[in-house]
Amino acid sequence: MLDLLITGARLADGTGAPLRPADVGARDGRVVLLPPSTPSQGYGPALDTGSQGYTPGAGSRPDPRARVVLDGAGMVVAPGFIDVHTHSDAASLFGPEFAELAAAPVRMGVTTEICGNCGSSLFPALPERLEELSRSSRTSFGGRVPIFRDFAGFAEAHAGAPRANHLASLVGHGTLRAGVVGYEDRAASPHELDVMCGLLGDALAAGAAGLSTGLIYTPGTYGGTDEVVALASVAARHGRPYVTHLRDEMARVEEALEEAAEIARRSGAALHVSHHKTAGRHAWGRTERTLARLAELRAGGMDVTCDVYPYTAGSTSLSAMLPPWANDGGTPALLERLRDQAQRDRMRHAIAEGVPGWENTVGNGGWDLISVASAVGHRELEGRTIASLGGDPVDAAAELLLAEGGQVTIISHSMREDDVRRVLAAEFTMIGSDGVPKPGRPHPRIAGTFPRVLGHYAREEGLLSLEAAVHKMTGMAAARFGLAGRGVLRDGAHADLVMFDPAVIADAATYADPLLPPRGLAAVVVAGELAVSGGVPTGATPGGIVTP
């Protein structure tokens, strides 16, 4: 007998092939495909799939083939969505105040999250550096969490923290650098680089999914091209990709893309460009050139892909709005500089005039486009722009960082809709939310990314077909990160499934209310267990760490 059966639905199998009728079952955590038991009902809405209205099995006839039967009439069943870019490394390790944040991805159909992005992961580090990194972890992850010596420690910690969906992790270059070199603005010595390569190789051998960089963030930004080539070469030897937040996504985005291509070419690693964008007024429209360049690299034989989130605003740390030298030495050194008026004046000048090689977000947009997303000690400021806080905005930002111990997350409205659409439509683009699970008013992408692509861009705008959208969320993502048995619905595949109404599916999350669940998502199945029913988590925790 099957553990679960969905009858009467259409199948989007994750390959991009046309929808077809099928019954989809699960037994012992694996997919069993069956001939359709009832004629397909097409795209018409058949059930109330609002956030509370759908009860799995409602309207289904008893079926002796399965213990749990879900009526899929009018529905599409797809592989569980794979979010290729998240910062959910620690969300399930925190207390109840993070429960809603940790649940947001699976509520929008994400059954596997890939974390460790933008150069920041929870491992690895030398033992003598662990405490220092743990003290700084609050800024990246929203709360203090241990940094682990190796991948095994990371996996063990998550084994003791039940979760609804699966998690894979990249190795963050910034964490690796801080874990060996520290937070100083200097080149790694040959010995230090050897140690970094050794730790990276051990993590990849143990199950990490690749190497990531965040080359606008300290201390990753202190690493030069040659350093990254050496590390990416280790990833290449393990058959894992080099995943990069480019050194600049604004005025110098094309130059930064060329650096990434050079790293891939010299190292032999597959290249994946994170949350590809051309942000700030000096870069608007440049996706016409960057996408053409990526296509040219692919035509020349380079294995290169990218991901995108379907919004014109990004989100990051407030400290990233300051010049790189301000963060030299880590968070304690930053806070000390912010207490010094002369140092603040230097920062003000750097933002106004620019610094060679620095992605100057404020200089490319303005403090009026940057709003506070998370400031746990000053919740009354969340949702307000830095410019609206009063006085000089650099002073306002400095005082807020000091009051919050450096832990402030912001939302930056810096992109243009035509650029977002262009990247979404590219054949080599997959979907990543870049979700940052911190309390307050996080970016709505944490709860709305995948339904927004399916509802707004596929159904309403016709930018891409439903089948192509699902492929970007599933089969393409699994192939890029080596997640065998995931992303494509076939017999024997892992039973991670999403059932949604294609006529209704849509995001509901907003900047004012960012955790609202989507509409039209009927059920999410993880490892053969029903994890979400009608938009509501069931309490099941079948997820765990997955590896290539």
Protein backbone atom coordinates (compact mmCIF):
# COMPACT_ATOMS: atom_id res chain seq x y z
CA MET A 1 0.00 0.00 0.00
CA LEU A 2 1.12 3.51 -0.74
CA ASP A 3 1.68 5.95 2.10
CA LEU A 4 0.17 8.80 0.08
CA LEU A 5 -1.58 9.16 -3.26
CA ILE A 6 -2.58 12.22 -5.32
CA THR A 7 -5.28 11.43 -7.87
CA GLY A 8 -6.60 13.25 -10.91
CA ALA A 9 -3.86 15.89 -11.20
CA ARG A 10 -1.61 16.98 -14.02
CA LEU A 11 2.09 16.36 -13.67
CA ALA A 12 4.79 19.01 -14.24
CA ASP A 13 7.66 16.58 -13.95
CA GLY A 14 10.49 19.12 -13.61
CA THR A 15 12.04 18.52 -17.03
CA GLY A 16 10.10 21.24 -18.83
CA ALA A 17 8.01 18.67 -20.69
CA PRO A 18 4.31 19.43 -21.28
CA LEU A 19 1.86 18.72 -18.48
CA ARG A 20 0.39 15.24 -18.52
CA PRO A 21 -2.22 13.45 -16.41
CA ALA A 22 -0.93 11.04 -13.78
CA ASP A 23 -1.57 9.79 -10.29
CA VAL A 24 1.41 10.36 -8.02
CA GLY A 25 2.09 8.13 -5.04
CA ALA A 26 4.69 7.88 -2.33
CA ARG A 27 5.98 4.76 -0.61
CA ASP A 28 8.85 4.73 1.89
CA GLY A 29 9.81 8.26 0.86
CA ARG A 30 10.00 7.49 -2.86
CA VAL A 31 7.79 8.41 -5.81
CA VAL A 32 5.51 5.87 -7.45
CA LEU A 33 3.94 7.10 -10.71
CA LEU A 34 0.63 5.53 -11.73
CA PRO A 35 -1.70 5.90 -14.72
CA PRO A 36 -4.36 8.55 -14.17
CA SER A 37 -7.39 7.17 -12.36
CA THR A 38 -9.70 9.96 -13.55
CA PRO A 39 -9.63 12.21 -16.62
CA SER A 40 -7.59 15.36 -16.16
CA GLN A 41 -9.73 18.34 -15.19
CA GLY A 42 -7.50 20.85 -16.95
CA TYR A 43 -6.65 24.25 -15.52
CA GLY A 44 -10.04 25.22 -14.09
CA PRO A 45 -10.20 25.83 -10.35
CA ALA A 46 -11.69 22.77 -8.68
CA LEU A 47 -11.01 23.34 -4.99
CA ASP A 48 -10.72 26.21 -2.58
CA THR A 49 -6.94 26.37 -2.13
CA GLY A 50 -6.75 29.51 -0.07
CA SER A 51 -4.56 29.59 2.99
CA GLN A 52 -7.12 27.73 5.11
CA GLY A 53 -9.63 26.20 2.73
CA TYR A 54 -8.26 22.96 1.34
CA THR A 55 -8.42 19.67 3.20
CA PRO A 56 -6.35 16.93 1.54
CA GLY A 57 -8.62 14.09 0.55
CA ALA A 58 -11.73 16.27 0.48
CA GLY A 59 -14.00 14.98 -2.25
CA SER A 60 -11.84 11.92 -2.92
CA ARG A 61 -13.35 8.49 -3.08
CA PRO A 62 -11.81 5.96 -0.69
CA ASP A 63 -8.88 4.36 -2.46
CA PRO A 64 -7.51 1.01 -1.29
CA ARG A 65 -4.14 1.85 -2.84
CA ALA A 66 -3.09 4.39 -0.19
CA ARG A 67 -3.42 5.39 3.45
CA VAL A 68 -3.76 9.11 2.60
CA VAL A 69 -5.49 10.23 -0.59
CA LEU A 70 -5.42 13.81 -1.94
CA ASP A 71 -7.90 14.89 -4.58
CA GLY A 72 -5.85 16.58 -7.29
CA ALA A 73 -8.64 17.49 -9.70
CA GLY A 74 -7.70 20.77 -11.39
CA MET A 75 -4.30 20.74 -9.69
CA VAL A 76 -0.71 20.51 -10.88
CA VAL A 77 1.74 18.27 -9.04
CA ALA A 78 5.41 19.20 -9.35
CA PRO A 79 8.64 18.16 -7.69
CA GLY A 80 9.25 20.06 -4.47
CA PHE A 81 10.82 23.40 -5.24
CA ILE A 82 14.58 23.74 -4.69
CA ASP A 83 15.57 27.17 -3.45
CA VAL A 84 19.14 27.54 -4.69
CA HIS A 85 19.92 30.67 -2.70
CA THR A 86 18.95 31.00 0.96
CA HIS A 87 20.45 32.15 4.23
CA SER A 88 18.56 29.60 6.32
CA ASP A 89 21.74 28.09 7.76
CA ALA A 90 20.69 28.61 11.38
CA ALA A 91 16.94 29.32 11.38
CA SER A 92 15.94 25.88 12.65
CA LEU A 93 18.63 25.99 15.36
CA PHE A 94 17.05 28.98 17.10
CA GLY A 95 14.12 29.10 19.48
CA PRO A 96 10.37 29.50 19.00
CA GLU A 97 10.71 33.16 17.92
CA PHE A 98 12.15 31.88 14.63
CA ALA A 99 9.47 29.20 14.07
CA GLU A 100 7.37 31.25 11.65
CA LEU A 101 10.46 32.38 9.75
CA ALA A 102 11.77 28.82 9.51
CA ALA A 103 8.38 27.63 8.22
CA ALA A 104 7.99 30.30 5.52
CA PRO A 105 9.98 28.49 2.79
CA VAL A 106 8.13 25.17 3.01
CA ARG A 107 4.81 27.04 3.09
CA MET A 108 5.60 28.30 -0.43
CA GLY A 109 6.53 24.83 -1.68
CA VAL A 110 10.27 24.74 -1.03
CA THR A 111 11.27 21.22 -0.02
CA THR A 112 15.04 21.76 -0.28
CA GLU A 113 16.98 24.91 0.62
CA ILE A 114 20.60 25.54 -0.32
CA CYS A 115 22.33 27.72 2.27
CA GLY A 116 25.92 28.83 2.82
CA ASN A 117 25.54 31.50 0.16
CA CYS A 118 27.28 34.85 -0.34
CA GLY A 119 30.44 33.55 1.33
CA SER A 120 28.75 32.95 4.69
CA SER A 121 28.26 29.47 6.15
CA LEU A 122 28.28 27.89 9.62
CA PHE A 123 31.55 26.03 8.95
CA PRO A 124 34.54 25.43 8.69
CA ALA A 125 37.13 27.11 10.93
CA LEU A 126 40.22 26.34 12.93
CA PRO A 127 39.42 25.52 16.58
CA GLU A 128 41.11 28.66 17.89
CA ARG A 129 38.92 30.85 15.65
CA LEU A 130 35.54 29.33 16.52
CA GLU A 131 34.65 31.62 19.41
CA GLU A 132 35.52 34.77 17.45
CA LEU A 133 33.37 33.66 14.53
CA SER A 134 30.51 32.70 16.81
CA ARG A 135 30.49 36.20 18.32
CA SER A 136 30.15 37.66 14.83
CA SER A 137 27.52 35.14 13.68
CA ARG A 138 24.68 37.25 15.03
CA THR A 139 25.09 39.80 12.24
CA SER A 140 24.81 37.17 9.50
CA PHE A 141 22.23 34.82 10.95
CA GLY A 142 20.00 36.89 13.24
CA GLY A 143 21.14 35.32 16.48
CA ARG A 144 24.27 33.92 18.01
CA VAL A 145 24.91 30.40 16.84
CA PRO A 146 28.01 28.22 17.06
CA ILE A 147 30.32 28.13 14.08
CA PHE A 148 31.34 24.53 13.51
CA ARG A 149 34.79 23.19 12.92
CA ASP A 150 33.61 21.06 10.00
CA PHE A 151 30.64 19.88 7.97
CA ALA A 152 30.08 16.94 10.33
CA GLY A 153 29.48 19.32 13.24
CA PHE A 154 27.04 21.34 11.15
CA ALA A 155 25.14 18.20 10.11
CA GLU A 156 25.04 16.84 13.65
CA ALA A 157 23.59 20.08 15.01
CA HIS A 158 20.82 20.01 12.42
CA ALA A 159 20.09 16.35 13.12
CA GLY A 160 19.08 17.45 16.60
CA ALA A 161 16.83 20.27 15.35
CA PRO A 162 13.80 18.82 13.53
CA ARG A 163 12.84 20.65 10.35
CA ALA A 164 10.01 20.41 7.84
CA ASN A 165 12.16 20.56 4.70
CA HIS A 166 15.66 19.62 3.60
CA LEU A 167 18.85 21.68 3.77
CA ALA A 168 22.08 21.52 1.76
CA SER A 169 25.01 23.84 2.37
CA LEU A 170 27.78 25.47 0.41
CA VAL A 171 31.10 26.39 2.03
CA GLY A 172 31.33 30.14 2.50
CA HIS A 173 34.62 31.74 1.49
CA GLY A 174 34.10 34.55 4.03
CA THR A 175 33.63 32.06 6.85
CA LEU A 176 36.58 30.02 5.63
CA ARG A 177 38.78 33.11 5.47
CA ALA A 178 37.68 34.36 8.89
CA GLY A 179 38.19 30.85 10.25
CA VAL A 180 41.84 30.79 9.16
CA VAL A 181 43.06 34.35 8.48
CA GLY A 182 40.64 36.33 10.64
CA TYR A 183 38.88 39.58 9.76
CA GLU A 184 41.93 41.65 8.78
CA ASP A 185 42.26 43.38 5.41
CA ARG A 186 45.31 41.57 4.11
CA ALA A 187 46.31 38.78 1.75
CA ALA A 188 46.35 35.25 3.05
CA SER A 189 49.85 33.83 3.45
CA PRO A 190 50.73 30.75 1.35
CA HIS A 191 50.41 28.60 4.46
CA GLU A 192 47.02 30.09 5.35
CA LEU A 193 45.77 29.54 1.82
CA ASP A 194 46.91 25.89 2.00
CA VAL A 195 44.98 25.50 5.25
CA MET A 196 41.89 27.09 3.69
CA CYS A 197 42.11 24.72 0.73
CA GLY A 198 42.46 21.76 3.08
CA LEU A 199 39.42 22.71 5.15
CA LEU A 200 37.41 23.31 2.00
CA GLY A 201 38.41 19.94 0.53
CA ASP A 202 37.44 18.16 3.74
CA ALA A 203 34.03 19.87 3.79
CA LEU A 204 33.32 19.03 0.16
CA ALA A 205 34.36 15.41 0.69
CA ALA A 206 32.00 15.24 3.67
CA GLY A 207 28.99 16.50 1.74
CA ALA A 208 29.08 20.27 1.22
CA ALA A 209 27.48 21.29 -2.08
CA GLY A 210 30.07 23.75 -3.40
CA LEU A 211 32.05 26.92 -2.71
CA SER A 212 30.39 30.32 -2.36
CA THR A 213 31.81 33.83 -2.26
CA GLY A 214 30.35 37.16 -1.23
CA LEU A 215 32.95 39.48 -2.67
CA ILE A 216 31.29 42.67 -1.46
CA TYR A 217 31.26 41.47 2.15
CA THR A 218 34.07 41.46 4.66
CA PRO A 219 36.24 39.51 5.08
CA GLY A 220 35.56 37.89 1.69
CA THR A 221 36.17 41.15 -0.14
CA TYR A 222 39.77 41.14 1.17
CA GLY A 223 40.50 38.00 -0.86
CA GLY A 224 41.89 38.61 -4.33
CA THR A 225 41.20 36.76 -7.55
CA ASP A 226 44.16 34.40 -7.16
CA GLU A 227 42.97 33.33 -3.71
CA VAL A 228 39.52 32.51 -5.03
CA VAL A 229 40.99 30.64 -8.03
CA ALA A 230 42.95 28.40 -5.64
CA LEU A 231 39.82 27.60 -3.66
CA ALA A 232 37.60 27.15 -6.72
CA SER A 233 40.18 24.66 -8.03
CA VAL A 234 39.45 22.53 -4.96
CA ALA A 235 35.73 22.71 -5.71
CA ALA A 236 36.44 21.68 -9.32
CA ARG A 237 38.38 18.61 -8.18
CA HIS A 238 35.34 17.55 -6.19
CA GLY A 239 32.97 18.25 -9.09
CA ARG A 240 31.22 21.04 -7.18
CA PRO A 241 30.33 24.51 -8.49
CA TYR A 242 31.78 27.92 -7.69
CA VAL A 243 28.80 30.07 -6.60
CA THR A 244 29.40 33.80 -6.40
CA HIS A 245 27.85 37.01 -5.22
CA LEU A 246 29.86 39.13 -7.63
CA ARG A 247 32.34 41.71 -6.39
CA ASP A 248 30.06 44.38 -7.82
CA GLU A 249 26.44 44.22 -9.01
CA MET A 250 26.24 47.93 -9.75
CA ALA A 251 28.38 50.26 -11.88
CA ARG A 252 31.17 47.68 -12.28
CA VAL A 253 28.99 44.62 -12.76
CA GLU A 254 30.48 43.71 -16.14
CA GLU A 255 34.00 43.87 -14.76
CA ALA A 256 32.93 41.73 -11.80
CA LEU A 257 31.35 39.19 -14.14
CA GLU A 258 34.62 38.96 -16.05
CA GLU A 259 36.44 38.23 -12.79
CA ALA A 260 33.99 35.40 -12.09
CA ALA A 261 34.52 34.00 -15.59
CA GLU A 262 38.30 34.19 -15.10
CA ILE A 263 38.01 32.29 -11.82
CA ALA A 264 35.93 29.60 -13.51
CA ARG A 265 38.26 29.38 -16.49
CA ARG A 266 41.46 29.16 -14.45
CA SER A 267 40.05 26.78 -11.82
CA GLY A 268 37.96 24.55 -14.06
CA ALA A 269 34.96 24.92 -11.77
CA ALA A 270 31.40 25.29 -13.00
CA LEU A 271 30.24 28.87 -12.41
CA HIS A 272 26.95 29.93 -10.85
CA VAL A 273 26.18 33.64 -10.45
CA SER A 274 24.01 34.35 -7.43
CA HIS A 275 20.90 36.59 -7.59
CA HIS A 276 22.02 38.11 -10.89
CA LYS A 277 21.08 41.76 -11.09
CA THR A 278 22.26 45.13 -12.34
CA ALA A 279 21.41 47.41 -9.44
CA GLY A 280 21.64 51.17 -8.98
CA ARG A 281 20.92 53.83 -11.56
CA HIS A 282 24.37 53.53 -13.17
CA ALA A 283 23.74 49.85 -13.99
CA TRP A 284 20.08 49.82 -15.01
CA GLY A 285 19.59 48.10 -18.34
CA ARG A 286 22.94 46.37 -18.32
CA THR A 287 21.36 42.91 -18.09
CA GLU A 288 21.15 43.18 -21.88
CA ARG A 289 24.95 42.96 -21.90
CA THR A 290 25.54 40.68 -18.91
CA LEU A 291 23.07 38.06 -20.12
CA ALA A 292 24.55 38.21 -23.61
CA ARG A 293 27.99 37.67 -22.07
CA LEU A 294 26.76 34.68 -20.06
CA ALA A 295 25.23 33.22 -23.21
CA GLU A 296 28.52 33.78 -25.04
CA LEU A 297 30.45 32.01 -22.28
CA ARG A 298 28.05 29.07 -22.46
CA ALA A 299 28.36 28.90 -26.24
CA GLY A 300 32.13 28.80 -25.78
CA GLY A 301 31.87 25.74 -23.55
CA MET A 302 31.83 27.22 -20.05
CA ASP A 303 29.40 25.61 -17.60
CA VAL A 304 27.72 28.74 -16.26
CA THR A 305 24.27 29.44 -14.83
CA CYS A 306 22.66 32.02 -12.55
CA ASP A 307 19.69 32.52 -10.28
CA VAL A 308 17.30 35.39 -9.65
CA TYR A 309 14.56 36.48 -7.26
CA PRO A 310 11.44 38.14 -8.73
CA TYR A 311 11.62 41.50 -6.96
CA THR A 312 13.19 44.89 -7.63
CA ALA A 313 14.49 45.27 -4.06
CA GLY A 314 17.35 43.45 -2.39
CA SER A 315 18.20 42.87 1.26
CA THR A 316 21.47 42.77 3.17
CA SER A 317 23.19 44.10 6.28
CA LEU A 318 23.27 47.81 7.03
CA SER A 319 27.02 47.51 7.66
CA ALA A 320 27.46 46.55 3.99
CA MET A 321 26.41 50.10 3.10
CA LEU A 322 29.72 51.32 4.56
CA PRO A 323 33.12 51.18 2.80
CA PRO A 324 35.07 47.91 3.21
CA TRP A 325 37.75 49.44 5.43
CA ALA A 326 35.04 50.29 7.98
CA ASN A 327 34.57 46.57 8.63
CA ASP A 328 38.28 45.70 8.78
CA GLY A 329 38.72 43.60 11.92
CA GLY A 330 35.10 42.46 12.16
CA THR A 331 32.07 43.78 14.02
CA PRO A 332 33.86 44.95 17.20
CA ALA A 333 36.26 47.05 15.13
CA LEU A 334 33.37 48.48 13.09
CA LEU A 335 31.52 49.53 16.23
CA GLU A 336 34.64 51.20 17.60
CA ARG A 337 35.04 53.21 14.39
CA LEU A 338 31.38 54.24 14.49
CA ARG A 339 31.96 55.80 17.92
CA ASP A 340 34.66 58.05 16.44
CA GLN A 341 33.28 61.14 14.69
CA ALA A 342 36.38 61.46 12.53
CA GLN A 343 35.87 57.90 11.27
CA ARG A 344 32.23 58.64 10.55
CA ASP A 345 33.32 61.65 8.51
CA ARG A 346 35.65 59.39 6.52
CA MET A 347 32.73 57.03 5.85
CA ARG A 348 30.53 59.95 4.81
CA HIS A 349 33.19 61.11 2.37
CA ALA A 350 33.71 57.59 0.99
CA ILE A 351 29.98 57.22 0.31
CA ALA A 352 29.80 60.63 -1.34
CA GLU A 353 32.95 60.27 -3.45
CA GLY A 354 33.26 56.48 -3.85
CA VAL A 355 36.17 54.13 -3.22
CA PRO A 356 37.96 52.35 -6.09
CA GLY A 357 36.75 48.78 -6.35
CA TRP A 358 33.84 49.22 -3.91
CA GLU A 359 30.19 48.61 -4.73
CA ASN A 360 28.72 51.79 -3.27
CA THR A 361 25.03 51.03 -2.79
CA VAL A 362 24.12 54.32 -1.16
CA GLY A 363 26.11 56.33 -3.70
CA ASN A 364 24.25 54.53 -6.49
CA GLY A 365 20.82 55.13 -5.01
CA GLY A 366 20.46 57.07 -1.78
CA TRP A 367 19.48 56.57 1.85
CA ASP A 368 15.83 57.20 0.94
CA LEU A 369 15.77 53.84 -0.90
CA ILE A 370 17.11 51.89 2.08
CA SER A 371 14.66 50.81 4.79
CA VAL A 372 15.16 48.98 8.07
CA ALA A 373 14.05 45.34 7.89
CA SER A 374 15.30 43.98 11.20
CA ALA A 375 16.41 45.87 14.30
CA VAL A 376 15.27 43.77 17.24
CA GLY A 377 15.84 46.48 19.84
CA HIS A 378 14.15 49.18 17.76
CA ARG A 379 11.12 47.51 16.21
CA GLU A 380 9.44 50.90 15.83
CA LEU A 381 12.01 51.74 13.12
CA GLU A 382 11.36 48.64 11.00
CA GLY A 383 9.86 49.65 7.68
CA ARG A 384 11.24 53.20 7.83
CA THR A 385 13.97 54.48 5.51
CA ILE A 386 17.32 55.57 6.88
CA ALA A 387 16.70 59.00 5.38
CA SER A 388 13.49 59.33 7.43
CA LEU A 389 15.19 58.74 10.78
CA GLY A 390 16.23 62.38 11.01
CA GLY A 391 19.54 64.24 10.92
CA ASP A 392 22.47 63.18 8.80
CA PRO A 393 21.75 59.66 7.47
CA VAL A 394 25.31 58.42 8.07
CA ASP A 395 24.96 59.43 11.71
CA ALA A 396 21.52 57.83 11.88
CA ALA A 397 22.88 54.58 10.41
CA ALA A 398 25.87 54.68 12.76
CA GLU A 399 23.73 55.22 15.86
CA LEU A 400 21.39 52.40 14.88
CA LEU A 401 24.29 50.01 14.28
CA LEU A 402 25.79 50.93 17.64
CA ALA A 403 22.47 50.45 19.43
CA GLU A 404 21.96 47.06 17.77
CA GLY A 405 25.51 45.77 18.13
CA GLY A 406 25.94 45.84 14.36
CA GLN A 407 22.95 43.59 13.75
CA VAL A 408 20.68 45.54 11.41
CA THR A 409 19.20 44.18 8.17
CA ILE A 410 17.97 46.50 5.45
CA ILE A 411 15.94 46.39 2.25
CA SER A 412 17.36 48.31 -0.71
CA HIS A 413 15.10 49.34 -3.60
CA SER A 414 17.76 49.41 -6.28
CA MET A 415 16.64 47.48 -9.37
CA ARG A 416 14.44 47.99 -12.40
CA GLU A 417 11.60 45.71 -13.48
CA ASP A 418 12.82 45.23 -17.06
CA ASP A 419 16.14 43.88 -15.77
CA VAL A 420 14.38 41.44 -13.42
CA ARG A 421 12.17 40.18 -16.25
CA ARG A 422 15.13 39.78 -18.58
CA VAL A 423 17.03 37.60 -16.11
CA LEU A 424 13.95 35.54 -15.24
CA ALA A 425 13.34 34.72 -18.89
CA ALA A 426 16.91 33.59 -19.65
CA GLU A 427 17.13 29.88 -20.37
CA PHE A 428 20.04 29.37 -17.95
CA THR A 429 18.41 31.05 -14.95
CA MET A 430 16.97 29.22 -11.95
CA ILE A 431 15.08 30.59 -8.95
CA GLY A 432 16.51 31.54 -5.57
CA SER A 433 14.72 33.54 -2.90
CA ASP A 434 17.81 34.96 -1.16
CA GLY A 435 15.57 34.72 1.90
CA VAL A 436 17.05 36.17 5.10
CA PRO A 437 15.16 34.68 8.06
CA LYS A 438 15.52 37.42 10.65
CA PRO A 439 12.80 38.80 12.95
CA GLY A 440 11.10 42.05 12.04
CA ARG A 441 10.05 42.87 8.50
CA PRO A 442 12.20 40.63 6.31
CA HIS A 443 12.03 40.87 2.55
CA PRO A 444 8.78 39.21 1.32
CA ARG A 445 10.83 36.99 -0.98
CA ILE A 446 11.25 34.62 1.99
CA ALA A 447 7.54 33.72 1.71
CA GLY A 448 6.55 34.69 -1.82
CA THR A 449 9.29 34.00 -4.37
CA PHE A 450 8.13 30.75 -5.97
CA PRO A 451 4.37 31.48 -6.05
CA ARG A 452 5.19 34.93 -7.46
CA VAL A 453 7.06 33.42 -10.39
CA LEU A 454 4.26 30.95 -11.09
CA GLY A 455 1.41 33.39 -10.59
CA HIS A 456 2.58 36.81 -11.68
CA TYR A 457 5.30 36.11 -14.21
CA ALA A 458 4.12 32.81 -15.72
CA ARG A 459 0.30 32.97 -15.58
CA GLU A 460 -0.43 36.71 -15.58
CA GLU A 461 2.47 38.11 -17.59
CA GLY A 462 3.17 35.12 -19.84
CA LEU A 463 6.90 35.73 -19.47
CA LEU A 464 7.50 31.98 -19.37
CA SER A 465 5.37 28.86 -19.46
CA LEU A 466 4.31 27.02 -16.31
CA GLU A 467 6.43 24.04 -17.36
CA ALA A 468 9.51 26.23 -17.89
CA ALA A 469 8.97 27.96 -14.55
CA VAL A 470 8.73 24.64 -12.72
CA HIS A 471 11.87 23.40 -14.49
CA LYS A 472 13.80 26.43 -13.25
CA MET A 473 12.62 25.65 -9.70
CA THR A 474 13.27 21.92 -9.77
CA GLY A 475 15.12 19.88 -12.38
CA MET A 476 17.54 22.63 -13.40
CA ALA A 477 18.39 23.38 -9.77
CA ALA A 478 18.91 19.74 -8.82
CA ALA A 479 21.21 19.20 -11.79
CA ARG A 480 23.34 22.26 -10.97
CA PHE A 481 23.93 21.19 -7.36
CA GLY A 482 24.14 17.45 -7.91
CA LEU A 483 21.05 16.57 -5.89
CA ALA A 484 20.42 13.13 -7.35
CA GLY A 485 16.87 11.85 -7.23
CA ARG A 486 15.42 15.32 -6.64
CA GLY A 487 13.90 17.91 -8.93
CA VAL A 488 12.33 15.45 -11.41
CA LEU A 489 9.25 13.30 -10.82
CA ARG A 490 9.95 9.76 -11.92
CA ASP A 491 9.60 6.35 -10.32
CA GLY A 492 12.01 5.99 -7.43
CA ALA A 493 12.75 9.69 -7.04
CA HIS A 494 12.61 11.26 -3.59
CA ALA A 495 8.98 11.94 -2.73
CA ASP A 496 9.23 15.71 -2.34
CA LEU A 497 6.10 17.15 -3.99
CA VAL A 498 4.11 20.35 -4.37
CA MET A 499 0.46 20.44 -5.39
CA PHE A 500 -0.99 23.79 -6.49
CA ASP A 501 -3.87 25.27 -8.41
CA PRO A 502 -2.33 26.89 -11.52
CA ALA A 503 -5.32 29.24 -11.86
CA VAL A 504 -4.92 30.59 -8.32
CA ILE A 505 -1.28 30.24 -7.23
CA ALA A 506 0.08 33.65 -6.25
CA ASP A 507 2.23 35.34 -3.65
CA ALA A 508 0.53 37.25 -0.83
CA ALA A 509 3.58 38.45 1.13
CA THR A 510 4.22 42.20 1.09
CA TYR A 511 6.89 44.52 2.45
CA ALA A 512 4.44 45.52 5.19
CA ASP A 513 3.38 41.92 5.96
CA PRO A 514 6.19 39.74 4.64
CA LEU A 515 5.25 36.33 6.03
CA LEU A 516 1.76 35.98 4.57
CA PRO A 517 1.45 32.51 2.98
CA PRO A 518 0.71 32.19 -0.74
CA ARG A 519 -2.66 31.48 -2.29
CA GLY A 520 -3.45 28.37 -4.27
CA LEU A 521 -0.88 26.05 -2.74
CA ALA A 522 -2.81 22.96 -1.69
CA ALA A 523 -0.17 20.64 -0.27
CA VAL A 524 3.55 20.14 0.22
CA VAL A 525 4.99 16.67 0.69
CA VAL A 526 8.50 16.10 2.06
CA ALA A 527 10.04 12.62 2.04
CA GLY A 528 6.58 11.18 1.48
CA GLU A 529 4.98 12.98 4.45
CA LEU A 530 2.41 15.75 4.26
CA ALA A 531 4.28 18.81 5.57
CA VAL A 532 1.84 21.56 4.53
CA SER A 533 -1.92 21.31 4.06
CA GLY A 534 -3.83 24.25 2.63
CA GLY A 535 -0.99 26.63 3.43
CA VAL A 536 -0.73 25.46 7.05
CA PRO A 537 2.24 23.40 8.32
CA THR A 538 1.10 20.03 9.65
CA GLY A 539 3.85 19.81 12.27
CA ALA A 540 5.60 16.98 10.45
CA THR A 541 9.40 17.26 10.47
CA PRO A 542 10.66 14.80 7.84
CA GLY A 543 13.44 17.08 6.54
CA GLY A 544 17.16 16.81 7.12
CA ILE A 545 20.59 17.54 5.69
CA VAL A 546 21.01 16.40 2.09
CA THR A 547 24.24 16.10 0.13
CA PRO A 548 25.27 15.76 -3.52
